[in-house]
């Protein structure tokens, strides 16, 4: 398969959107909603995941998160149980709690899961199946290595990384879930004042407050409000300003944790159509089938990882209707990687594609789409070829597992991919070390997938990581 690099890797020099790059002028007096308490530090708890190839959606109820001090006492971090959709996260850090953590030394973290539901592709029928999982061992305790020690009020970041491949077991129609996680904790001032890629967060949800200096978004996952500072470095799509972002509209905010306990908005992308006034319905997820008339796309079915507005929760699929007035959009994050708005249209929607659809629900429960936004894929695959540098980008090929979504839905066994100057690396990888990564190494790649008229697929990588290996539970 040939590469679309001439179009896809027209890299833009918007370094503010590259999470690992230095960002000037980050100071802020706005807060994330944490009220500082004497003897404690504002703390953000985030979740991420290493994906499972054939899973379309994985909703997990985290009933408690607690850390253990060096003296053996336990501090609870979660104010209420949270239902989190994990499969759409990949390397994205999604905040689920804002709290205060007393000064001290913390040696371990315990995560308890009370329920899990998975939607996956049945290998025999090729159709999505939704099943509740039997919970194996509901609680897992892993060491914070190194231990987290702090004695000032600079912001603390506690990261919980799920490994879905090690957590879910799907045998026939039997599904079980035992949380497999790795975890780390850091005080922002000890880690570059928010400049490290691990201090990047992303929230999508409804705008509950907006001004020229801040935006508050109610997370669709945790249902918590998160406030981000807006300053001169915050990026918006062309023609968009805080003044024309409507209350109750849906946005995606990429942010950066700050030493003072605030979160700075690196970019804000409205997901509600430009002429929308808020309160639109919508869903974000994976396309599983498409319908067309004389070669013209008329709609598609998707498995929702998140839903907005009055969309029914836990529906196996969402039927999206495409009309002549449906528009197509690309996020600021994707544009920073060289994907322009003209590259994404009805011809780029295919099974396995990640999208966000916004519109209104008709009387039959279908979503009449007013806008479709290109979504981000999360893949766990083998490096099939040695990465090759060509100018400002790096080409490589991924070998896909036999049960991966793209193999089942599109009959792909390999996938062309490219990384550029704004691609981030993590978990021990750097741009330099990636060039010498051995073939057959398992890597986790987040990025944007497009296909040309010759049926050549290309993934533009936004982040490449070595996958998180779940840490052995304490006592094992």
Protein backbone atom coordinates (compact mmCIF):
# COMPACT_ATOMS: atom_id res chain seq x y z
CA UNK A 1 0.00 0.00 0.00
CA UNK A 2 1.33 3.41 -0.90
CA UNK A 3 1.70 6.29 1.52
CA UNK A 4 -0.30 9.51 1.64
CA UNK A 5 2.59 11.29 3.28
CA UNK A 6 2.67 14.09 0.71
CA UNK A 7 -0.73 15.20 1.98
CA UNK A 8 -0.84 13.97 5.55
CA UNK A 9 2.57 15.03 6.77
CA UNK A 10 2.43 18.67 5.76
CA UNK A 11 3.51 19.46 9.32
CA UNK A 12 2.52 22.76 10.85
CA UNK A 13 4.80 24.69 13.20
CA UNK A 14 2.18 25.06 15.97
CA UNK A 15 4.49 23.90 18.72
CA UNK A 16 2.02 25.01 21.39
CA UNK A 17 -0.09 22.00 20.45
CA UNK A 18 2.73 19.52 20.80
CA UNK A 19 2.29 18.39 24.41
CA UNK A 20 5.96 17.60 25.01
CA UNK A 21 7.23 20.99 23.84
CA UNK A 22 7.93 24.01 26.01
CA UNK A 23 5.05 26.43 26.34
CA UNK A 24 5.77 30.00 27.36
CA UNK A 25 3.54 32.13 29.49
CA UNK A 26 1.91 29.32 31.42
CA UNK A 27 1.30 31.21 34.63
CA UNK A 28 -2.31 31.45 35.74
CA UNK A 29 -4.36 32.51 38.71
CA UNK A 30 -7.44 30.53 37.69
CA UNK A 31 -8.01 27.29 39.53
CA UNK A 32 -9.42 23.92 38.62
CA UNK A 33 -12.01 24.14 41.38
CA UNK A 34 -9.75 22.87 44.19
CA UNK A 35 -9.82 24.96 47.36
CA UNK A 36 -6.34 24.94 48.86
CA UNK A 37 -6.12 23.54 52.37
CA UNK A 38 -3.29 24.03 54.86
CA UNK A 39 -0.87 21.11 54.94
CA UNK A 40 -2.08 19.64 51.64
CA UNK A 41 -1.57 20.01 47.89
CA UNK A 42 -4.15 20.23 45.08
CA UNK A 43 -4.26 16.83 43.39
CA UNK A 44 -5.52 15.70 40.00
CA UNK A 45 -6.31 11.99 39.48
CA UNK A 46 -6.25 10.87 35.83
CA UNK A 47 -6.86 7.62 33.95
CA UNK A 48 -5.49 6.28 30.65
CA UNK A 49 -5.34 2.84 29.05
CA UNK A 50 -3.47 0.47 26.78
CA UNK A 51 -6.18 -0.66 24.32
CA UNK A 52 -7.50 -4.13 23.54
CA UNK A 53 -7.64 -4.77 19.80
CA UNK A 54 -11.18 -6.05 19.31
CA UNK A 55 -12.91 -3.84 21.90
CA UNK A 56 -15.15 -1.02 20.67
CA UNK A 57 -16.13 0.25 24.10
CA UNK A 58 -15.21 -0.58 27.69
CA UNK A 59 -17.15 1.13 30.46
CA UNK A 60 -15.74 0.50 33.92
CA UNK A 61 -17.15 1.65 37.25
CA UNK A 62 -14.30 2.74 39.51
CA UNK A 63 -15.82 2.68 42.98
CA UNK A 64 -12.79 3.84 44.95
CA UNK A 65 -9.21 5.06 44.64
CA UNK A 66 -7.01 5.32 47.73
CA UNK A 67 -3.34 5.88 48.46
CA UNK A 68 -1.41 4.44 51.39
CA UNK A 69 1.07 6.50 53.41
CA UNK A 70 4.49 5.33 54.56
CA UNK A 71 2.92 4.94 58.01
CA UNK A 72 0.31 2.52 56.62
CA UNK A 73 -2.75 4.76 56.76
CA UNK A 74 -5.11 5.08 53.79
CA UNK A 75 -6.33 8.31 52.14
CA UNK A 76 -9.40 8.11 49.90
CA UNK A 77 -9.22 10.15 46.70
CA UNK A 78 -12.53 9.49 44.96
CA UNK A 79 -15.57 11.43 46.18
CA UNK A 80 -18.03 9.14 44.38
CA UNK A 81 -17.95 6.13 42.02
CA UNK A 82 -17.08 7.06 38.43
CA UNK A 83 -18.13 5.26 35.24
CA UNK A 84 -15.23 5.73 32.81
CA UNK A 85 -15.06 4.69 29.16
CA UNK A 86 -11.51 3.39 28.82
CA UNK A 87 -11.13 2.13 25.25
CA UNK A 88 -11.22 5.60 23.71
CA UNK A 89 -8.46 7.00 25.94
CA UNK A 90 -5.25 5.36 24.78
CA UNK A 91 -2.42 7.57 25.98
CA UNK A 92 -4.81 10.44 26.75
CA UNK A 93 -4.86 11.44 30.41
CA UNK A 94 -8.46 12.10 31.45
CA UNK A 95 -9.01 13.75 34.86
CA UNK A 96 -11.60 12.04 37.03
CA UNK A 97 -11.11 13.77 40.39
CA UNK A 98 -9.83 17.00 41.92
CA UNK A 99 -8.96 16.81 45.58
CA UNK A 100 -6.41 17.77 48.26
CA UNK A 101 -3.75 15.33 49.38
CA UNK A 102 -2.07 15.87 52.79
CA UNK A 103 1.69 16.41 52.79
CA UNK A 104 3.64 13.19 53.28
CA UNK A 105 5.04 10.10 51.60
CA UNK A 106 2.78 7.71 49.70
CA UNK A 107 3.94 4.21 48.79
CA UNK A 108 1.03 2.57 46.98
CA UNK A 109 -2.36 3.09 45.35
CA UNK A 110 -5.45 0.87 45.50
CA UNK A 111 -8.09 0.91 42.77
CA UNK A 112 -11.43 -0.88 43.18
CA UNK A 113 -13.75 -1.69 40.27
CA UNK A 114 -17.38 -2.69 40.92
CA UNK A 115 -18.70 -3.20 37.38
CA UNK A 116 -17.53 -3.43 33.77
CA UNK A 117 -19.30 -3.59 30.42
CA UNK A 118 -17.62 -4.28 27.10
CA UNK A 119 -18.72 -4.02 23.47
CA UNK A 120 -16.57 -6.09 21.13
CA UNK A 121 -16.62 -7.56 17.65
CA UNK A 122 -17.80 -11.16 17.54
CA UNK A 123 -15.15 -12.92 15.42
CA UNK A 124 -17.75 -15.33 14.03
CA UNK A 125 -20.35 -12.79 12.90
CA UNK A 126 -18.32 -9.60 12.63
CA UNK A 127 -21.07 -7.84 14.58
CA UNK A 128 -20.77 -5.84 17.81
CA UNK A 129 -21.77 -7.63 21.00
CA UNK A 130 -22.33 -5.92 24.36
CA UNK A 131 -21.84 -7.93 27.55
CA UNK A 132 -21.52 -7.31 31.26
CA UNK A 133 -18.33 -8.67 32.74
CA UNK A 134 -17.88 -10.84 35.78
CA UNK A 135 -15.56 -9.02 38.16
CA UNK A 136 -12.66 -11.23 39.20
CA UNK A 137 -10.57 -9.59 41.90
CA UNK A 138 -12.25 -6.18 42.25
CA UNK A 139 -9.37 -4.39 44.03
CA UNK A 140 -5.73 -4.14 43.06
CA UNK A 141 -2.95 -2.44 45.02
CA UNK A 142 0.30 -1.50 43.28
CA UNK A 143 3.39 0.31 44.47
CA UNK A 144 4.11 3.91 43.59
CA UNK A 145 7.67 3.51 42.35
CA UNK A 146 9.32 5.77 43.29
CA UNK A 147 7.26 6.71 46.31
CA UNK A 148 5.51 10.08 46.12
CA UNK A 149 6.88 12.53 48.69
CA UNK A 150 5.98 16.23 48.94
CA UNK A 151 5.72 18.98 51.54
CA UNK A 152 4.43 22.04 49.64
CA UNK A 153 1.27 23.11 47.86
CA UNK A 154 2.42 22.64 44.26
CA UNK A 155 -0.01 20.53 42.24
CA UNK A 156 0.22 16.71 42.42
CA UNK A 157 -0.66 14.39 39.54
CA UNK A 158 -1.67 10.80 40.27
CA UNK A 159 -1.92 8.72 37.10
CA UNK A 160 -3.77 5.40 36.79
CA UNK A 161 -3.00 3.53 33.57
CA UNK A 162 -5.28 0.59 32.81
CA UNK A 163 -4.16 -2.25 30.55
CA UNK A 164 -7.34 -3.54 28.90
CA UNK A 165 -5.62 -6.49 27.23
CA UNK A 166 -4.56 -7.74 30.67
CA UNK A 167 -7.82 -6.75 32.38
CA UNK A 168 -10.48 -8.28 30.12
CA UNK A 169 -10.81 -11.96 29.31
CA UNK A 170 -13.25 -12.80 26.51
CA UNK A 171 -13.80 -16.50 25.91
CA UNK A 172 -16.77 -17.25 23.68
CA UNK A 173 -19.60 -15.27 25.26
CA UNK A 174 -18.02 -15.23 28.74
CA UNK A 175 -16.42 -11.94 29.75
CA UNK A 176 -14.49 -11.28 32.95
CA UNK A 177 -12.63 -8.23 34.20
CA UNK A 178 -9.84 -7.98 36.75
CA UNK A 179 -8.22 -4.53 36.92
CA UNK A 180 -4.61 -4.55 35.69
CA UNK A 181 -2.98 -1.17 36.22
CA UNK A 182 0.27 0.69 36.52
CA UNK A 183 0.41 3.91 38.46
CA UNK A 184 2.68 6.85 39.15
CA UNK A 185 2.60 10.05 41.15
CA UNK A 186 4.53 13.27 40.73
CA UNK A 187 4.47 16.83 41.98
CA UNK A 188 4.41 19.16 38.99
CA UNK A 189 7.27 21.33 40.28
CA UNK A 190 9.46 18.19 40.42
CA UNK A 191 8.68 17.33 36.81
CA UNK A 192 9.17 20.49 34.79
CA UNK A 193 6.16 22.60 35.89
CA UNK A 194 3.72 20.88 33.59
CA UNK A 195 6.01 20.67 30.57
CA UNK A 196 6.27 16.86 30.63
CA UNK A 197 3.90 15.01 28.28
CA UNK A 198 2.57 13.09 31.28
CA UNK A 199 1.09 16.35 32.56
CA UNK A 200 -1.20 16.70 29.54
CA UNK A 201 -4.94 16.14 30.06
CA UNK A 202 -7.97 16.08 27.80
CA UNK A 203 -11.63 16.68 28.61
CA UNK A 204 -14.64 16.66 26.30
CA UNK A 205 -18.08 17.67 27.44
CA UNK A 206 -20.57 20.48 27.86
CA UNK A 207 -19.55 24.11 28.39
CA UNK A 208 -21.04 25.34 31.67
CA UNK A 209 -19.12 28.65 31.86
CA UNK A 210 -17.02 30.64 29.39
CA UNK A 211 -15.17 33.96 29.50
CA UNK A 212 -12.16 35.52 27.82
CA UNK A 213 -9.89 34.06 30.51
CA UNK A 214 -11.38 30.64 31.37
CA UNK A 215 -13.68 27.86 30.28
CA UNK A 216 -15.47 25.29 32.46
CA UNK A 217 -16.35 21.96 30.87
CA UNK A 218 -18.49 19.30 32.51
CA UNK A 219 -16.77 16.05 31.63
CA UNK A 220 -19.04 13.63 29.85
CA UNK A 221 -17.30 10.72 31.58
CA UNK A 222 -16.94 11.74 35.22
CA UNK A 223 -19.71 14.38 35.11
CA UNK A 224 -17.33 16.69 36.99
CA UNK A 225 -16.71 20.32 36.00
CA UNK A 226 -13.12 21.18 35.08
CA UNK A 227 -11.99 24.78 34.65
CA UNK A 228 -9.17 25.67 32.27
CA UNK A 229 -7.33 28.97 31.97
CA UNK A 230 -7.43 30.66 28.56
CA UNK A 231 -4.47 32.86 27.62
CA UNK A 232 -2.65 34.07 24.51
CA UNK A 233 -1.20 30.61 23.90
CA UNK A 234 -4.58 28.86 23.72
CA UNK A 235 -5.34 27.72 20.17
CA UNK A 236 -8.80 27.91 18.55
CA UNK A 237 -10.02 26.95 15.08
CA UNK A 238 -10.11 29.78 12.55
CA UNK A 239 -12.90 32.22 13.34
CA UNK A 240 -13.56 30.83 16.84
CA UNK A 241 -13.12 32.90 19.99
CA UNK A 242 -14.41 32.46 23.54
CA UNK A 243 -17.13 34.99 22.69
CA UNK A 244 -18.78 32.70 20.13
CA UNK A 245 -18.59 29.44 22.09
CA UNK A 246 -22.14 28.88 23.34
CA UNK A 247 -23.09 27.65 26.79
CA UNK A 248 -24.23 24.00 26.72
CA UNK A 249 -22.28 23.39 23.51
CA UNK A 250 -19.84 20.46 23.33
CA UNK A 251 -16.09 21.09 23.17
CA UNK A 252 -12.83 19.19 23.43
CA UNK A 253 -10.13 20.82 25.56
CA UNK A 254 -6.52 19.75 25.64
CA UNK A 255 -4.87 21.08 28.74
CA UNK A 256 -1.69 21.17 30.72
CA UNK A 257 -1.37 20.86 34.50
CA UNK A 258 0.28 23.83 36.17
CA UNK A 259 2.32 24.15 39.34
CA UNK A 260 -0.22 26.47 40.98
CA UNK A 261 -3.03 23.91 40.80
CA UNK A 262 -4.62 25.28 37.63
CA UNK A 263 -5.00 23.73 34.18
CA UNK A 264 -4.08 25.73 31.09
CA UNK A 265 -6.07 25.16 27.88
CA UNK A 266 -3.60 24.42 25.08
CA UNK A 267 -6.38 24.10 22.52
CA UNK A 268 -10.17 24.30 22.48
CA UNK A 269 -12.10 22.65 19.64
CA UNK A 270 -15.88 23.15 19.46
CA UNK A 271 -17.55 19.86 18.54
CA UNK A 272 -20.98 21.41 18.23
CA UNK A 273 -21.64 22.71 14.69
CA UNK A 274 -20.68 26.34 14.07
CA UNK A 275 -24.32 27.46 13.86
CA UNK A 276 -25.35 25.40 16.89
CA UNK A 277 -26.70 26.99 20.04
CA UNK A 278 -25.89 24.20 22.45
CA UNK A 279 -28.05 21.31 23.67
CA UNK A 280 -27.22 19.25 20.56
CA UNK A 281 -27.21 15.46 20.70
CA UNK A 282 -24.15 13.50 19.73
CA UNK A 283 -21.85 10.54 20.17
CA UNK A 284 -18.15 9.72 19.91
CA UNK A 285 -17.02 6.24 18.97
CA UNK A 286 -16.11 3.74 16.25
CA UNK A 287 -17.91 3.26 12.92
CA UNK A 288 -18.94 -0.38 12.41
CA UNK A 289 -20.88 -0.18 9.12
CA UNK A 290 -21.77 2.38 6.43
CA UNK A 291 -24.71 2.78 4.05
CA UNK A 292 -24.67 4.53 0.69
CA UNK A 293 -26.86 5.29 -2.30
CA UNK A 294 -25.22 5.27 -5.73
CA UNK A 295 -21.84 5.61 -4.07
CA UNK A 296 -22.92 8.56 -1.89
CA UNK A 297 -22.69 8.04 1.88
CA UNK A 298 -26.12 8.29 3.47
CA UNK A 299 -25.30 7.12 6.99
CA UNK A 300 -23.38 4.83 9.26
CA UNK A 301 -23.72 2.84 12.47
CA UNK A 302 -21.31 3.47 15.29
CA UNK A 303 -20.65 2.05 18.73
CA UNK A 304 -20.62 5.01 21.09
CA UNK A 305 -17.82 5.37 23.60
CA UNK A 306 -19.39 8.62 24.83
CA UNK A 307 -22.78 10.17 24.16
CA UNK A 308 -24.07 13.71 24.56
CA UNK A 309 -27.43 15.39 25.00
CA UNK A 310 -30.47 13.10 24.85
CA UNK A 311 -28.72 10.17 23.16
CA UNK A 312 -29.74 6.93 24.91
CA UNK A 313 -27.11 5.54 27.26
CA UNK A 314 -25.76 2.04 26.67
CA UNK A 315 -27.38 1.68 23.23
CA UNK A 316 -25.48 -1.06 21.32
CA UNK A 317 -25.17 1.16 18.25
CA UNK A 318 -26.07 4.69 17.17
CA UNK A 319 -27.48 5.14 13.66
CA UNK A 320 -26.19 8.35 12.10
CA UNK A 321 -27.99 9.90 9.12
CA UNK A 322 -25.90 11.96 6.67
CA UNK A 323 -27.59 14.76 4.71
CA UNK A 324 -26.59 17.32 2.11
CA UNK A 325 -26.03 19.92 4.83
CA UNK A 326 -23.80 17.70 7.02
CA UNK A 327 -20.39 19.32 7.50
CA UNK A 328 -17.03 17.75 8.35
CA UNK A 329 -14.40 19.03 10.77
CA UNK A 330 -10.87 18.33 12.01
CA UNK A 331 -9.72 19.17 15.56
CA UNK A 332 -6.94 21.60 16.34
CA UNK A 333 -4.91 18.65 17.62
CA UNK A 334 -5.16 16.87 14.25
CA UNK A 335 -4.38 20.05 12.34
CA UNK A 336 -1.15 20.42 14.31
CA UNK A 337 -0.12 17.09 12.76
CA UNK A 338 -0.76 18.33 9.22
CA UNK A 339 -4.32 17.05 8.68
CA UNK A 340 -6.31 19.88 7.12
CA UNK A 341 -10.09 20.17 7.11
CA UNK A 342 -10.20 19.41 3.37
CA UNK A 343 -8.74 15.95 3.96
CA UNK A 344 -11.77 14.72 5.93
CA UNK A 345 -15.10 14.27 4.18
CA UNK A 346 -17.81 11.66 3.60
CA UNK A 347 -15.39 9.54 1.59
CA UNK A 348 -13.17 9.18 4.66
CA UNK A 349 -15.81 7.46 6.78
CA UNK A 350 -15.37 3.69 6.84
CA UNK A 351 -15.71 0.81 9.32
CA UNK A 352 -13.05 1.15 11.99
CA UNK A 353 -12.92 4.94 11.69
CA UNK A 354 -13.12 6.95 14.93
CA UNK A 355 -15.53 9.91 14.69
CA UNK A 356 -17.62 12.36 16.68
CA UNK A 357 -21.14 12.96 15.30
CA UNK A 358 -23.28 15.88 16.47
CA UNK A 359 -26.86 16.75 15.49
CA UNK A 360 -30.42 16.08 16.58
CA UNK A 361 -32.24 12.87 17.41
CA UNK A 362 -35.25 12.09 15.22
CA UNK A 363 -38.45 10.29 16.27
CA UNK A 364 -36.89 6.92 15.38
CA UNK A 365 -33.88 7.48 17.61
CA UNK A 366 -31.52 8.14 14.69
CA UNK A 367 -28.97 10.95 14.90
CA UNK A 368 -29.42 13.43 12.05
CA UNK A 369 -25.85 14.67 11.77
CA UNK A 370 -25.08 18.32 11.30
CA UNK A 371 -21.34 17.86 11.83
CA UNK A 372 -18.90 14.92 11.81
CA UNK A 373 -15.46 15.42 13.40
CA UNK A 374 -12.51 13.13 12.76
CA UNK A 375 -11.66 11.15 15.89
CA UNK A 376 -8.46 9.63 17.22
CA UNK A 377 -7.61 5.93 16.95
CA UNK A 378 -5.88 4.03 19.74
CA UNK A 379 -3.92 1.01 18.51
CA UNK A 380 -1.77 -1.63 20.13
CA UNK A 381 0.27 -3.27 17.37
CA UNK A 382 3.68 -4.66 16.44
CA UNK A 383 6.26 -2.56 14.68
CA UNK A 384 6.40 -4.31 11.30
CA UNK A 385 9.26 -2.36 9.70
CA UNK A 386 12.20 -0.35 10.93
CA UNK A 387 11.21 3.35 11.12
CA UNK A 388 12.73 5.28 8.23
CA UNK A 389 13.45 9.01 8.27
CA UNK A 390 12.48 10.98 5.19
CA UNK A 391 12.78 14.72 5.56
CA UNK A 392 10.75 15.99 8.51
CA UNK A 393 8.81 12.78 9.09
CA UNK A 394 9.29 9.08 9.85
CA UNK A 395 7.53 6.27 7.98
CA UNK A 396 6.81 2.90 9.58
CA UNK A 397 4.41 -0.01 9.22
CA UNK A 398 2.28 -1.62 11.92
CA UNK A 399 1.40 -5.29 12.03
CA UNK A 400 -2.17 -5.70 13.27
CA UNK A 401 -3.43 -8.55 15.45
CA UNK A 402 -5.81 -11.03 13.84
CA UNK A 403 -8.63 -9.87 16.13
CA UNK A 404 -8.03 -6.13 15.76
CA UNK A 405 -10.95 -3.94 14.71
CA UNK A 406 -9.26 -2.88 11.47
CA UNK A 407 -8.53 -6.50 10.58
CA UNK A 408 -12.08 -7.64 11.32
CA UNK A 409 -13.86 -4.66 9.76
CA UNK A 410 -11.48 -3.73 6.91
CA UNK A 411 -9.43 -6.90 6.37
CA UNK A 412 -6.21 -5.01 7.08
CA UNK A 413 -3.22 -6.97 8.34
CA UNK A 414 -0.73 -4.10 8.14
CA UNK A 415 -1.13 -0.36 8.38
CA UNK A 416 1.11 2.43 7.05
CA UNK A 417 1.88 5.11 9.62
CA UNK A 418 3.90 8.29 9.85
CA UNK A 419 5.27 10.44 12.67
CA UNK A 420 6.44 14.03 12.47
CA UNK A 421 7.80 16.93 14.48
CA UNK A 422 4.61 17.24 16.55
CA UNK A 423 4.34 13.54 17.38
CA UNK A 424 4.88 12.86 21.09
CA UNK A 425 6.66 9.89 22.62
CA UNK A 426 6.34 8.34 26.07
CA UNK A 427 7.09 5.48 28.43
CA UNK A 428 10.79 5.41 27.60
CA UNK A 429 10.52 6.21 23.90
CA UNK A 430 11.95 9.35 22.30
CA UNK A 431 12.01 10.52 18.70
CA UNK A 432 15.61 9.32 18.50
CA UNK A 433 15.15 5.94 20.19
CA UNK A 434 12.07 5.16 18.09
CA UNK A 435 14.32 5.06 15.01
CA UNK A 436 16.23 2.11 16.48
CA UNK A 437 13.24 0.26 17.96
CA UNK A 438 13.50 -3.39 16.87
CA UNK A 439 11.00 -4.88 14.45
CA UNK A 440 8.21 -6.89 16.17
CA UNK A 441 8.30 -4.63 19.23
CA UNK A 442 4.81 -4.02 20.60
CA UNK A 443 3.99 -0.30 20.58
CA UNK A 444 0.94 1.80 21.40
CA UNK A 445 0.07 4.39 18.75
CA UNK A 446 -2.57 7.12 18.98
CA UNK A 447 -3.38 8.98 15.79
CA UNK A 448 -5.75 9.92 12.99
CA UNK A 449 -6.67 7.43 10.27
CA UNK A 450 -7.56 8.36 6.68
CA UNK A 451 -7.89 6.41 3.41
CA UNK A 452 -7.39 7.66 -0.12
CA UNK A 453 -9.36 6.88 -3.29
CA UNK A 454 -7.00 3.97 -4.03
CA UNK A 455 -7.93 2.38 -0.69
CA UNK A 456 -4.55 3.18 0.86
CA UNK A 457 -4.81 3.68 4.61
CA UNK A 458 -2.50 6.02 6.55
CA UNK A 459 -2.32 6.62 10.30
CA UNK A 460 -0.79 9.96 11.30
CA UNK A 461 0.65 9.38 14.78
CA UNK A 462 -0.06 11.88 17.52
CA UNK A 463 1.71 9.82 20.22
CA UNK A 464 3.83 6.67 20.24
CA UNK A 465 4.48 4.84 23.51
CA UNK A 466 5.83 1.62 24.81
CA UNK A 467 2.66 0.05 26.25
CA UNK A 468 2.18 0.21 30.00
CA UNK A 469 2.83 -3.16 31.60
CA UNK A 470 0.54 -3.68 34.57
CA UNK A 471 2.48 -3.74 37.79
CA UNK A 472 2.18 -6.87 39.94
CA UNK A 473 -0.24 -6.38 42.84
CA UNK A 474 1.43 -5.89 46.19
CA UNK A 475 1.86 -9.12 48.05
CA UNK A 476 2.37 -11.16 44.86
